[in-house]
Amino acid sequence: MSNPYGQDPYQQYPQYGAYPQGYPGMPMPPRNNGLAIASMCVSLGALITCYGALLIGPVGAILGHVALSQIKKAPQQQLGRGMALTGVIVGWALFGLWLLFIALIAIGAVTSSFETH
């Protein structure tokens, strides 16, 4: 008996996810680098925590350097250069400011001890 609708009701369909031969797959869209996001978050977190900048700032900066090198190796596959740069700049700037602050306190302590005697 033939089907009045013109289609075989028991027709085999390809498995889920199988594409016909010769069909090009979609290329993966570029994604944000996870270390770039972490670098920015850690460095900005160091900005919020005053004393954390001395220890956490370099961590964010180093994460940013690693992220920049990964992005440089695969620029079509990874995004986040701006976030990594933010982490590097903010991390090292905070660390440098804290070192300057500590140096000024040390210089002030030394000079004030000479003036009192």
PDB file of N, CA and C in Angstrom:
ATOM      1  N   MET A   1       0.840  -1.167   0.000  1.00  0.00           N
ATOM      2  CA  MET A   1       0.000   0.000   0.000  1.00  0.00           C
ATOM      3  C   MET A   1       0.888   1.234   0.000  1.00  0.00           C
ATOM      4  N   SER A   2       0.604   2.189  -0.804  1.00  0.00           N
ATOM      5  CA  SER A   2       1.421   3.395  -0.909  1.00  0.00           C
ATOM      6  C   SER A   2       0.863   4.471   0.029  1.00  0.00           C
ATOM      7  N   ASN A   3       1.749   5.366   0.441  1.00  0.00           N
ATOM      8  CA  ASN A   3       1.386   6.445   1.355  1.00  0.00           C
ATOM      9  C   ASN A   3       0.731   7.572   0.553  1.00  0.00           C
ATOM     10  N   PRO A   4      -0.461   8.027   0.938  1.00  0.00           N
ATOM     11  CA  PRO A   4      -1.130   9.075   0.175  1.00  0.00           C
ATOM     12  C   PRO A   4      -0.428  10.438   0.307  1.00  0.00           C
ATOM     13  N   TYR A   5       0.411  10.589   1.312  1.00  0.00           N
ATOM     14  CA  TYR A   5       1.088  11.867   1.504  1.00  0.00           C
ATOM     15  C   TYR A   5       2.421  11.951   0.764  1.00  0.00           C
ATOM     16  N   GLY A   6       2.888  10.906   0.177  1.00  0.00           N
ATOM     17  CA  GLY A   6       4.086  10.931  -0.632  1.00  0.00           C
ATOM     18  C   GLY A   6       5.378  10.709   0.130  1.00  0.00           C
ATOM     19  N   GLN A   7       5.327  10.514   1.439  1.00  0.00           N
ATOM     20  CA  GLN A   7       6.543  10.285   2.216  1.00  0.00           C
ATOM     21  C   GLN A   7       6.459   8.942   2.905  1.00  0.00           C
ATOM     22  N   ASP A   8       7.602   8.315   3.053  1.00  0.00           N
ATOM     23  CA  ASP A   8       7.668   7.049   3.768  1.00  0.00           C
ATOM     24  C   ASP A   8       7.644   7.344   5.266  1.00  0.00           C
ATOM     25  N   PRO A   9       6.660   6.828   6.015  1.00  0.00           N
ATOM     26  CA  PRO A   9       6.583   7.147   7.441  1.00  0.00           C
ATOM     27  C   PRO A   9       7.726   6.532   8.246  1.00  0.00           C
ATOM     28  N   TYR A  10       8.434   5.558   7.683  1.00  0.00           N
ATOM     29  CA  TYR A  10       9.514   4.887   8.396  1.00  0.00           C
ATOM     30  C   TYR A  10      10.879   5.295   7.860  1.00  0.00           C
ATOM     31  N   GLN A  11      10.978   6.485   7.325  1.00  0.00           N
ATOM     32  CA  GLN A  11      12.223   6.972   6.746  1.00  0.00           C
ATOM     33  C   GLN A  11      13.273   7.172   7.850  1.00  0.00           C
ATOM     34  N   GLN A  12      14.493   6.766   7.571  1.00  0.00           N
ATOM     35  CA  GLN A  12      15.588   6.916   8.530  1.00  0.00           C
ATOM     36  C   GLN A  12      16.153   8.332   8.450  1.00  0.00           C
ATOM     37  N   TYR A  13      16.249   8.986   9.587  1.00  0.00           N
ATOM     38  CA  TYR A  13      16.843  10.316   9.657  1.00  0.00           C
ATOM     39  C   TYR A  13      18.254  10.186  10.229  1.00  0.00           C
ATOM     40  N   PRO A  14      19.137  11.136   9.900  1.00  0.00           N
ATOM     41  CA  PRO A  14      20.493  11.059  10.467  1.00  0.00           C
ATOM     42  C   PRO A  14      20.454  11.264  11.981  1.00  0.00           C
ATOM     43  N   GLN A  15      21.453  10.714  12.639  1.00  0.00           N
ATOM     44  CA  GLN A  15      21.530  10.847  14.088  1.00  0.00           C
ATOM     45  C   GLN A  15      21.662  12.315  14.479  1.00  0.00           C
ATOM     46  N   TYR A  16      21.307  12.588  15.725  1.00  0.00           N
ATOM     47  CA  TYR A  16      21.412  13.943  16.238  1.00  0.00           C
ATOM     48  C   TYR A  16      22.873  14.391  16.186  1.00  0.00           C
ATOM     49  N   GLY A  17      23.127  15.549  15.611  1.00  0.00           N
ATOM     50  CA  GLY A  17      24.474  16.096  15.527  1.00  0.00           C
ATOM     51  C   GLY A  17      25.222  15.680  14.281  1.00  0.00           C
ATOM     52  N   ALA A  18      24.692  14.764  13.509  1.00  0.00           N
ATOM     53  CA  ALA A  18      25.378  14.337  12.290  1.00  0.00           C
ATOM     54  C   ALA A  18      24.983  15.269  11.151  1.00  0.00           C
ATOM     55  N   TYR A  19      25.961  15.745  10.426  1.00  0.00           N
ATOM     56  CA  TYR A  19      25.721  16.648   9.304  1.00  0.00           C
ATOM     57  C   TYR A  19      25.916  15.893   8.002  1.00  0.00           C
ATOM     58  N   PRO A  20      25.234  16.305   6.968  1.00  0.00           N
ATOM     59  CA  PRO A  20      25.478  15.681   5.669  1.00  0.00           C
ATOM     60  C   PRO A  20      26.924  15.897   5.232  1.00  0.00           C
ATOM     61  N   GLN A  21      27.397  14.996   4.397  1.00  0.00           N
ATOM     62  CA  GLN A  21      28.782  15.057   3.924  1.00  0.00           C
ATOM     63  C   GLN A  21      29.030  16.377   3.199  1.00  0.00           C
ATOM     64  N   GLY A  22      30.146  17.047   3.513  1.00  0.00           N
ATOM     65  CA  GLY A  22      30.504  18.270   2.828  1.00  0.00           C
ATOM     66  C   GLY A  22      29.956  19.526   3.467  1.00  0.00           C
ATOM     67  N   TYR A  23      29.191  19.407   4.527  1.00  0.00           N
ATOM     68  CA  TYR A  23      28.642  20.585   5.192  1.00  0.00           C
ATOM     69  C   TYR A  23      29.700  21.137   6.144  1.00  0.00           C
ATOM     70  N   PRO A  24      30.157  22.358   5.916  1.00  0.00           N
ATOM     71  CA  PRO A  24      31.211  22.882   6.801  1.00  0.00           C
ATOM     72  C   PRO A  24      30.629  23.269   8.157  1.00  0.00           C
ATOM     73  N   GLY A  25      31.349  22.950   9.193  1.00  0.00           N
ATOM     74  CA  GLY A  25      30.911  23.302  10.543  1.00  0.00           C
ATOM     75  C   GLY A  25      31.136  24.779  10.811  1.00  0.00           C
ATOM     76  N   MET A  26      30.394  25.290  11.751  1.00  0.00           N
ATOM     77  CA  MET A  26      30.559  26.685  12.126  1.00  0.00           C
ATOM     78  C   MET A  26      31.859  26.848  12.909  1.00  0.00           C
ATOM     79  N   PRO A  27      32.637  27.865  12.607  1.00  0.00           N
ATOM     80  CA  PRO A  27      33.862  28.068  13.391  1.00  0.00           C
ATOM     81  C   PRO A  27      33.513  28.555  14.796  1.00  0.00           C
ATOM     82  N   MET A  28      34.365  28.219  15.738  1.00  0.00           N
ATOM     83  CA  MET A  28      34.146  28.639  17.119  1.00  0.00           C
ATOM     84  C   MET A  28      34.313  30.157  17.216  1.00  0.00           C
ATOM     85  N   PRO A  29      33.374  30.845  17.844  1.00  0.00           N
ATOM     86  CA  PRO A  29      33.548  32.289  18.030  1.00  0.00           C
ATOM     87  C   PRO A  29      34.649  32.544  19.055  1.00  0.00           C
ATOM     88  N   PRO A  30      35.381  33.657  18.923  1.00  0.00           N
ATOM     89  CA  PRO A  30      36.432  33.929  19.905  1.00  0.00           C
ATOM     90  C   PRO A  30      35.835  34.156  21.294  1.00  0.00           C
ATOM     91  N   ARG A  31      36.558  33.711  22.302  1.00  0.00           N
ATOM     92  CA  ARG A  31      36.086  33.812  23.683  1.00  0.00           C
ATOM     93  C   ARG A  31      37.053  34.663  24.484  1.00  0.00           C
ATOM     94  N   ASN A  32      36.560  35.220  25.573  1.00  0.00           N
ATOM     95  CA  ASN A  32      37.424  35.980  26.469  1.00  0.00           C
ATOM     96  C   ASN A  32      38.381  35.040  27.188  1.00  0.00           C
ATOM     97  N   ASN A  33      39.616  35.473  27.298  1.00  0.00           N
ATOM     98  CA  ASN A  33      40.623  34.700  28.004  1.00  0.00           C
ATOM     99  C   ASN A  33      40.303  34.729  29.496  1.00  0.00           C
ATOM    100  N   GLY A  34      40.266  33.574  30.117  1.00  0.00           N
ATOM    101  CA  GLY A  34      39.919  33.484  31.529  1.00  0.00           C
ATOM    102  C   GLY A  34      40.939  34.164  32.429  1.00  0.00           C
ATOM    103  N   LEU A  35      42.233  34.083  32.060  1.00  0.00           N
ATOM    104  CA  LEU A  35      43.249  34.741  32.870  1.00  0.00           C
ATOM    105  C   LEU A  35      43.157  36.258  32.763  1.00  0.00           C
ATOM    106  N   ALA A  36      42.694  36.761  31.612  1.00  0.00           N
ATOM    107  CA  ALA A  36      42.513  38.205  31.464  1.00  0.00           C
ATOM    108  C   ALA A  36      41.414  38.696  32.398  1.00  0.00           C
ATOM    109  N   ILE A  37      40.335  37.935  32.469  1.00  0.00           N
ATOM    110  CA  ILE A  37      39.245  38.296  33.387  1.00  0.00           C
ATOM    111  C   ILE A  37      39.735  38.228  34.833  1.00  0.00           C
ATOM    112  N   ALA A  38      40.463  37.163  35.171  1.00  0.00           N
ATOM    113  CA  ALA A  38      40.979  37.009  36.533  1.00  0.00           C
ATOM    114  C   ALA A  38      41.956  38.126  36.873  1.00  0.00           C
ATOM    115  N   SER A  39      42.796  38.507  35.924  1.00  0.00           N
ATOM    116  CA  SER A  39      43.768  39.571  36.144  1.00  0.00           C
ATOM    117  C   SER A  39      43.084  40.886  36.476  1.00  0.00           C
ATOM    118  N   MET A  40      42.073  41.225  35.703  1.00  0.00           N
ATOM    119  CA  MET A  40      41.360  42.470  35.945  1.00  0.00           C
ATOM    120  C   MET A  40      40.638  42.430  37.298  1.00  0.00           C
ATOM    121  N   CYS A  41      39.992  41.317  37.599  1.00  0.00           N
ATOM    122  CA  CYS A  41      39.258  41.206  38.862  1.00  0.00           C
ATOM    123  C   CYS A  41      40.191  41.263  40.064  1.00  0.00           C
ATOM    124  N   VAL A  42      41.319  40.570  39.987  1.00  0.00           N
ATOM    125  CA  VAL A  42      42.262  40.552  41.107  1.00  0.00           C
ATOM    126  C   VAL A  42      42.875  41.934  41.310  1.00  0.00           C
ATOM    127  N   SER A  43      43.271  42.597  40.225  1.00  0.00           N
ATOM    128  CA  SER A  43      43.881  43.918  40.349  1.00  0.00           C
ATOM    129  C   SER A  43      42.879  44.953  40.868  1.00  0.00           C
ATOM    130  N   LEU A  44      41.660  44.908  40.384  1.00  0.00           N
ATOM    131  CA  LEU A  44      40.660  45.842  40.883  1.00  0.00           C
ATOM    132  C   LEU A  44      40.260  45.506  42.319  1.00  0.00           C
ATOM    133  N   GLY A  45      40.301  44.233  42.677  1.00  0.00           N
ATOM    134  CA  GLY A  45      40.076  43.850  44.062  1.00  0.00           C
ATOM    135  C   GLY A  45      41.185  44.366  44.967  1.00  0.00           C
ATOM    136  N   ALA A  46      42.412  44.384  44.461  1.00  0.00           N
ATOM    137  CA  ALA A  46      43.532  44.939  45.225  1.00  0.00           C
ATOM    138  C   ALA A  46      43.365  46.441  45.407  1.00  0.00           C
ATOM    139  N   LEU A  47      42.733  47.088  44.446  1.00  0.00           N
ATOM    140  CA  LEU A  47      42.468  48.518  44.556  1.00  0.00           C
ATOM    141  C   LEU A  47      41.487  48.800  45.693  1.00  0.00           C
ATOM    142  N   ILE A  48      40.525  47.925  45.881  1.00  0.00           N
ATOM    143  CA  ILE A  48      39.517  48.105  46.921  1.00  0.00           C
ATOM    144  C   ILE A  48      40.099  47.801  48.299  1.00  0.00           C
ATOM    145  N   THR A  49      40.881  46.742  48.397  1.00  0.00           N
ATOM    146  CA  THR A  49      41.500  46.391  49.675  1.00  0.00           C
ATOM    147  C   THR A  49      42.836  47.110  49.760  1.00  0.00           C
ATOM    148  N   CYS A  50      42.940  48.040  50.644  1.00  0.00           N
ATOM    149  CA  CYS A  50      44.123  48.911  50.692  1.00  0.00           C
ATOM    150  C   CYS A  50      45.416  48.127  50.907  1.00  0.00           C
ATOM    151  N   TYR A  51      45.477  47.308  51.942  1.00  0.00           N
ATOM    152  CA  TYR A  51      46.722  46.593  52.221  1.00  0.00           C
ATOM    153  C   TYR A  51      46.931  45.409  51.289  1.00  0.00           C
ATOM    154  N   GLY A  52      45.881  44.961  50.655  1.00  0.00           N
ATOM    155  CA  GLY A  52      46.008  43.850  49.724  1.00  0.00           C
ATOM    156  C   GLY A  52      46.775  44.212  48.478  1.00  0.00           C
ATOM    157  N   ALA A  53      46.880  45.503  48.187  1.00  0.00           N
ATOM    158  CA  ALA A  53      47.570  45.925  46.969  1.00  0.00           C
ATOM    159  C   ALA A  53      49.033  45.522  46.981  1.00  0.00           C
ATOM    160  N   LEU A  54      49.624  45.463  48.150  1.00  0.00           N
ATOM    161  CA  LEU A  54      51.034  45.098  48.246  1.00  0.00           C
ATOM    162  C   LEU A  54      51.263  43.644  47.859  1.00  0.00           C
ATOM    163  N   LEU A  55      50.333  42.775  48.200  1.00  0.00           N
ATOM    164  CA  LEU A  55      50.487  41.354  47.893  1.00  0.00           C
ATOM    165  C   LEU A  55      49.664  40.915  46.684  1.00  0.00           C
ATOM    166  N   ILE A  56      48.464  41.455  46.558  1.00  0.00           N
ATOM    167  CA  ILE A  56      47.556  40.999  45.507  1.00  0.00           C
ATOM    168  C   ILE A  56      47.822  41.696  44.179  1.00  0.00           C
ATOM    169  N   GLY A  57      48.311  42.936  44.217  1.00  0.00           N
ATOM    170  CA  GLY A  57      48.576  43.680  42.984  1.00  0.00           C
ATOM    171  C   GLY A  57      49.511  42.950  42.027  1.00  0.00           C
ATOM    172  N   PRO A  58      50.659  42.455  42.508  1.00  0.00           N
ATOM    173  CA  PRO A  58      51.549  41.714  41.599  1.00  0.00           C
ATOM    174  C   PRO A  58      50.929  40.434  41.050  1.00  0.00           C
ATOM    175  N   VAL A  59      50.054  39.795  41.833  1.00  0.00           N
ATOM    176  CA  VAL A  59      49.389  38.578  41.339  1.00  0.00           C
ATOM    177  C   VAL A  59      48.523  38.923  40.124  1.00  0.00           C
ATOM    178  N   GLY A  60      47.744  40.004  40.236  1.00  0.00           N
ATOM    179  CA  GLY A  60      46.923  40.438  39.107  1.00  0.00           C
ATOM    180  C   GLY A  60      47.757  40.829  37.909  1.00  0.00           C
ATOM    181  N   ALA A  61      48.887  41.489  38.152  1.00  0.00           N
ATOM    182  CA  ALA A  61      49.759  41.897  37.055  1.00  0.00           C
ATOM    183  C   ALA A  61      50.376  40.682  36.355  1.00  0.00           C
ATOM    184  N   ILE A  62      50.804  39.707  37.116  1.00  0.00           N
ATOM    185  CA  ILE A  62      51.406  38.507  36.515  1.00  0.00           C
ATOM    186  C   ILE A  62      50.363  37.715  35.735  1.00  0.00           C
ATOM    187  N   LEU A  63      49.155  37.601  36.280  1.00  0.00           N
ATOM    188  CA  LEU A  63      48.073  36.949  35.527  1.00  0.00           C
ATOM    189  C   LEU A  63      47.832  37.681  34.207  1.00  0.00           C
ATOM    190  N   GLY A  64      47.894  39.003  34.240  1.00  0.00           N
ATOM    191  CA  GLY A  64      47.716  39.787  33.018  1.00  0.00           C
ATOM    192  C   GLY A  64      48.805  39.537  32.007  1.00  0.00           C
ATOM    193  N   HIS A  65      50.051  39.418  32.467  1.00  0.00           N
ATOM    194  CA  HIS A  65      51.154  39.129  31.546  1.00  0.00           C
ATOM    195  C   HIS A  65      50.982  37.767  30.884  1.00  0.00           C
ATOM    196  N   VAL A  66      50.578  36.779  31.667  1.00  0.00           N
ATOM    197  CA  VAL A  66      50.355  35.434  31.109  1.00  0.00           C
ATOM    198  C   VAL A  66      49.199  35.469  30.100  1.00  0.00           C
ATOM    199  N   ALA A  67      48.133  36.184  30.442  1.00  0.00           N
ATOM    200  CA  ALA A  67      46.985  36.289  29.533  1.00  0.00           C
ATOM    201  C   ALA A  67      47.379  36.985  28.237  1.00  0.00           C
ATOM    202  N   LEU A  68      48.189  38.039  28.322  1.00  0.00           N
ATOM    203  CA  LEU A  68      48.625  38.734  27.105  1.00  0.00           C
ATOM    204  C   LEU A  68      49.439  37.819  26.199  1.00  0.00           C
ATOM    205  N   SER A  69      50.287  36.979  26.804  1.00  0.00           N
ATOM    206  CA  SER A  69      51.065  36.064  25.966  1.00  0.00           C
ATOM    207  C   SER A  69      50.172  35.007  25.315  1.00  0.00           C
ATOM    208  N   GLN A  70      49.150  34.539  26.030  1.00  0.00           N
ATOM    209  CA  GLN A  70      48.219  33.570  25.437  1.00  0.00           C
ATOM    210  C   GLN A  70      47.403  34.206  24.318  1.00  0.00           C
ATOM    211  N   ILE A  71      46.971  35.445  24.516  1.00  0.00           N
ATOM    212  CA  ILE A  71      46.187  36.136  23.491  1.00  0.00           C
ATOM    213  C   ILE A  71      47.049  36.415  22.270  1.00  0.00           C
ATOM    214  N   LYS A  72      48.317  36.719  22.493  1.00  0.00           N
ATOM    215  CA  LYS A  72      49.236  36.993  21.378  1.00  0.00           C
ATOM    216  C   LYS A  72      49.463  35.740  20.528  1.00  0.00           C
ATOM    217  N   LYS A  73      49.460  34.564  21.167  1.00  0.00           N
ATOM    218  CA  LYS A  73      49.670  33.313  20.438  1.00  0.00           C
ATOM    219  C   LYS A  73      48.459  32.927  19.591  1.00  0.00           C
ATOM    220  N   ALA A  74      47.246  33.250  20.036  1.00  0.00           N
ATOM    221  CA  ALA A  74      46.025  32.872  19.310  1.00  0.00           C
ATOM    222  C   ALA A  74      45.050  34.050  19.283  1.00  0.00           C
ATOM    223  N   PRO A  75      45.351  35.112  18.521  1.00  0.00           N
ATOM    224  CA  PRO A  75      44.485  36.301  18.553  1.00  0.00           C
ATOM    225  C   PRO A  75      43.105  36.078  17.941  1.00  0.00           C
ATOM    226  N   GLN A  76      42.955  35.107  17.035  1.00  0.00           N
ATOM    227  CA  GLN A  76      41.646  34.862  16.428  1.00  0.00           C
ATOM    228  C   GLN A  76      40.738  34.064  17.352  1.00  0.00           C
ATOM    229  N   GLN A  77      41.313  33.382  18.331  1.00  0.00           N
ATOM    230  CA  GLN A  77      40.520  32.515  19.194  1.00  0.00           C
ATOM    231  C   GLN A  77      40.252  33.109  20.567  1.00  0.00           C
ATOM    232  N   GLN A  78      41.040  34.115  20.970  1.00  0.00           N
ATOM    233  CA  GLN A  78      40.893  34.643  22.323  1.00  0.00           C
ATOM    234  C   GLN A  78      40.782  36.159  22.295  1.00  0.00           C
ATOM    235  N   LEU A  79      39.891  36.662  23.126  1.00  0.00           N
ATOM    236  CA  LEU A  79      39.708  38.096  23.311  1.00  0.00           C
ATOM    237  C   LEU A  79      40.125  38.461  24.729  1.00  0.00           C
ATOM    238  N   GLY A  80      40.125  39.738  25.044  1.00  0.00           N
ATOM    239  CA  GLY A  80      40.377  40.166  26.412  1.00  0.00           C
ATOM    240  C   GLY A  80      41.679  40.907  26.609  1.00  0.00           C
ATOM    241  N   ARG A  81      42.263  41.418  25.515  1.00  0.00           N
ATOM    242  CA  ARG A  81      43.528  42.141  25.640  1.00  0.00           C
ATOM    243  C   ARG A  81      43.367  43.361  26.545  1.00  0.00           C
ATOM    244  N   GLY A  82      42.274  44.070  26.426  1.00  0.00           N
ATOM    245  CA  GLY A  82      42.041  45.247  27.252  1.00  0.00           C
ATOM    246  C   GLY A  82      41.914  44.907  28.728  1.00  0.00           C
ATOM    247  N   MET A  83      41.249  43.797  29.022  1.00  0.00           N
ATOM    248  CA  MET A  83      41.122  43.374  30.419  1.00  0.00           C
ATOM    249  C   MET A  83      42.480  42.982  30.989  1.00  0.00           C
ATOM    250  N   ALA A  84      43.288  42.301  30.172  1.00  0.00           N
ATOM    251  CA  ALA A  84      44.621  41.906  30.638  1.00  0.00           C
ATOM    252  C   ALA A  84      45.495  43.134  30.870  1.00  0.00           C
ATOM    253  N   LEU A  85      45.424  44.108  29.966  1.00  0.00           N
ATOM    254  CA  LEU A  85      46.189  45.340  30.152  1.00  0.00           C
ATOM    255  C   LEU A  85      45.737  46.094  31.398  1.00  0.00           C
ATOM    256  N   THR A  86      44.439  46.106  31.647  1.00  0.00           N
ATOM    257  CA  THR A  86      43.929  46.738  32.859  1.00  0.00           C
ATOM    258  C   THR A  86      44.517  46.074  34.101  1.00  0.00           C
ATOM    259  N   GLY A  87      44.537  44.758  34.107  1.00  0.00           N
ATOM    260  CA  GLY A  87      45.105  44.031  35.239  1.00  0.00           C
ATOM    261  C   GLY A  87      46.583  44.315  35.428  1.00  0.00           C
ATOM    262  N   VAL A  88      47.339  44.368  34.333  1.00  0.00           N
ATOM    263  CA  VAL A  88      48.775  44.628  34.419  1.00  0.00           C
ATOM    264  C   VAL A  88      49.028  46.044  34.936  1.00  0.00           C
ATOM    265  N   ILE A  89      48.371  47.023  34.347  1.00  0.00           N
ATOM    266  CA  ILE A  89      48.622  48.421  34.709  1.00  0.00           C
ATOM    267  C   ILE A  89      48.192  48.708  36.137  1.00  0.00           C
ATOM    268  N   VAL A  90      46.975  48.309  36.495  1.00  0.00           N
ATOM    269  CA  VAL A  90      46.477  48.584  37.846  1.00  0.00           C
ATOM    270  C   VAL A  90      47.289  47.812  38.888  1.00  0.00           C
ATOM    271  N   GLY A  91      47.614  46.559  38.600  1.00  0.00           N
ATOM    272  CA  GLY A  91      48.375  45.746  39.558  1.00  0.00           C
ATOM    273  C   GLY A  91      49.745  46.318  39.854  1.00  0.00           C
ATOM    274  N   TRP A  92      50.515  46.652  38.795  1.00  0.00           N
ATOM    275  CA  TRP A  92      51.861  47.198  39.019  1.00  0.00           C
ATOM    276  C   TRP A  92      51.811  48.613  39.574  1.00  0.00           C
ATOM    277  N   ALA A  93      50.825  49.410  39.166  1.00  0.00           N
ATOM    278  CA  ALA A  93      50.720  50.774  39.693  1.00  0.00           C
ATOM    279  C   ALA A  93      50.434  50.753  41.195  1.00  0.00           C
ATOM    280  N   LEU A  94      49.522  49.903  41.628  1.00  0.00           N
ATOM    281  CA  LEU A  94      49.229  49.802  43.062  1.00  0.00           C
ATOM    282  C   LEU A  94      50.433  49.309  43.849  1.00  0.00           C
ATOM    283  N   PHE A  95      51.112  48.331  43.302  1.00  0.00           N
ATOM    284  CA  PHE A  95      52.299  47.800  43.973  1.00  0.00           C
ATOM    285  C   PHE A  95      53.366  48.893  44.088  1.00  0.00           C
ATOM    286  N   GLY A  96      53.585  49.651  43.013  1.00  0.00           N
ATOM    287  CA  GLY A  96      54.569  50.729  43.039  1.00  0.00           C
ATOM    288  C   GLY A  96      54.202  51.837  44.008  1.00  0.00           C
ATOM    289  N   LEU A  97      52.920  52.191  44.058  1.00  0.00           N
ATOM    290  CA  LEU A  97      52.483  53.221  44.999  1.00  0.00           C
ATOM    291  C   LEU A  97      52.685  52.780  46.447  1.00  0.00           C
ATOM    292  N   TRP A  98      52.410  51.509  46.729  1.00  0.00           N
ATOM    293  CA  TRP A  98      52.623  51.023  48.095  1.00  0.00           C
ATOM    294  C   TRP A  98      54.107  50.993  48.438  1.00  0.00           C
ATOM    295  N   LEU A  99      54.964  50.613  47.490  1.00  0.00           N
ATOM    296  CA  LEU A  99      56.403  50.643  47.766  1.00  0.00           C
ATOM    297  C   LEU A  99      56.882  52.065  48.018  1.00  0.00           C
ATOM    298  N   LEU A 100      56.362  53.020  47.248  1.00  0.00           N
ATOM    299  CA  LEU A 100      56.713  54.421  47.451  1.00  0.00           C
ATOM    300  C   LEU A 100      56.239  54.895  48.829  1.00  0.00           C
ATOM    301  N   PHE A 101      55.039  54.516  49.202  1.00  0.00           N
ATOM    302  CA  PHE A 101      54.490  54.881  50.510  1.00  0.00           C
ATOM    303  C   PHE A 101      55.348  54.323  51.638  1.00  0.00           C
ATOM    304  N   ILE A 102      55.747  53.066  51.525  1.00  0.00           N
ATOM    305  CA  ILE A 102      56.585  52.435  52.557  1.00  0.00           C
ATOM    306  C   ILE A 102      57.955  53.105  52.608  1.00  0.00           C
ATOM    307  N   ALA A 103      58.514  53.436  51.443  1.00  0.00           N
ATOM    308  CA  ALA A 103      59.816  54.114  51.410  1.00  0.00           C
ATOM    309  C   ALA A 103      59.734  55.490  52.059  1.00  0.00           C
ATOM    310  N   LEU A 104      58.663  56.226  51.794  1.00  0.00           N
ATOM    311  CA  LEU A 104      58.507  57.552  52.402  1.00  0.00           C
ATOM    312  C   LEU A 104      58.342  57.458  53.914  1.00  0.00           C
ATOM    313  N   ILE A 105      57.629  56.451  54.381  1.00  0.00           N
ATOM    314  CA  ILE A 105      57.486  56.260  55.826  1.00  0.00           C
ATOM    315  C   ILE A 105      58.836  55.918  56.451  1.00  0.00           C
ATOM    316  N   ALA A 106      59.605  55.056  55.782  1.00  0.00           N
ATOM    317  CA  ALA A 106      60.919  54.682  56.299  1.00  0.00           C
ATOM    318  C   ALA A 106      61.857  55.888  56.323  1.00  0.00           C
ATOM    319  N   ILE A 107      61.839  56.680  55.270  1.00  0.00           N
ATOM    320  CA  ILE A 107      62.684  57.884  55.229  1.00  0.00           C
ATOM    321  C   ILE A 107      62.254  58.862  56.316  1.00  0.00           C
ATOM    322  N   GLY A 108      60.952  59.034  56.486  1.00  0.00           N
ATOM    323  CA  GLY A 108      60.454  59.920  57.538  1.00  0.00           C
ATOM    324  C   GLY A 108      60.836  59.441  58.923  1.00  0.00           C
ATOM    325  N   ALA A 109      60.805  58.149  59.140  1.00  0.00           N
ATOM    326  CA  ALA A 109      61.171  57.604  60.448  1.00  0.00           C
ATOM    327  C   ALA A 109      62.654  57.800  60.725  1.00  0.00           C
ATOM    328  N   VAL A 110      63.476  57.607  59.707  1.00  0.00           N
ATOM    329  CA  VAL A 110      64.913  57.763  59.883  1.00  0.00           C
ATOM    330  C   VAL A 110      65.264  59.230  60.121  1.00  0.00           C
ATOM    331  N   THR A 111      64.725  60.136  59.343  1.00  0.00           N
ATOM    332  CA  THR A 111      65.050  61.561  59.499  1.00  0.00           C
ATOM    333  C   THR A 111      64.491  62.115  60.802  1.00  0.00           C
ATOM    334  N   SER A 112      63.339  61.653  61.235  1.00  0.00           N
ATOM    335  CA  SER A 112      62.795  62.166  62.501  1.00  0.00           C
ATOM    336  C   SER A 112      63.596  61.655  63.693  1.00  0.00           C
ATOM    337  N   SER A 113      64.192  60.495  63.586  1.00  0.00           N
ATOM    338  CA  SER A 113      65.011  59.976  64.696  1.00  0.00           C
ATOM    339  C   SER A 113      66.308  60.765  64.808  1.00  0.00           C
ATOM    340  N   PHE A 114      66.825  61.300  63.717  1.00  0.00           N
ATOM    341  CA  PHE A 114      68.032  62.116  63.777  1.00  0.00           C
ATOM    342  C   PHE A 114      67.755  63.497  64.338  1.00  0.00           C
ATOM    343  N   GLU A 115      66.562  64.025  64.085  1.00  0.00           N
ATOM    344  CA  GLU A 115      66.218  65.376  64.532  1.00  0.00           C
ATOM    345  C   GLU A 115      65.917  65.420  66.029  1.00  0.00           C
ATOM    346  N   THR A 116      65.479  64.345  66.614  1.00  0.00           N
ATOM    347  CA  THR A 116      65.121  64.383  68.038  1.00  0.00           C
ATOM    348  C   THR A 116      66.325  64.280  68.940  1.00  0.00           C
ATOM    349  N   HIS A 117      67.439  63.774  68.462  1.00  0.00           N
ATOM    350  CA  HIS A 117      68.628  63.618  69.316  1.00  0.00           C
ATOM    351  C   HIS A 117      69.579  64.728  69.159  1.00  0.00           C
TER     352      HIS A 117
END
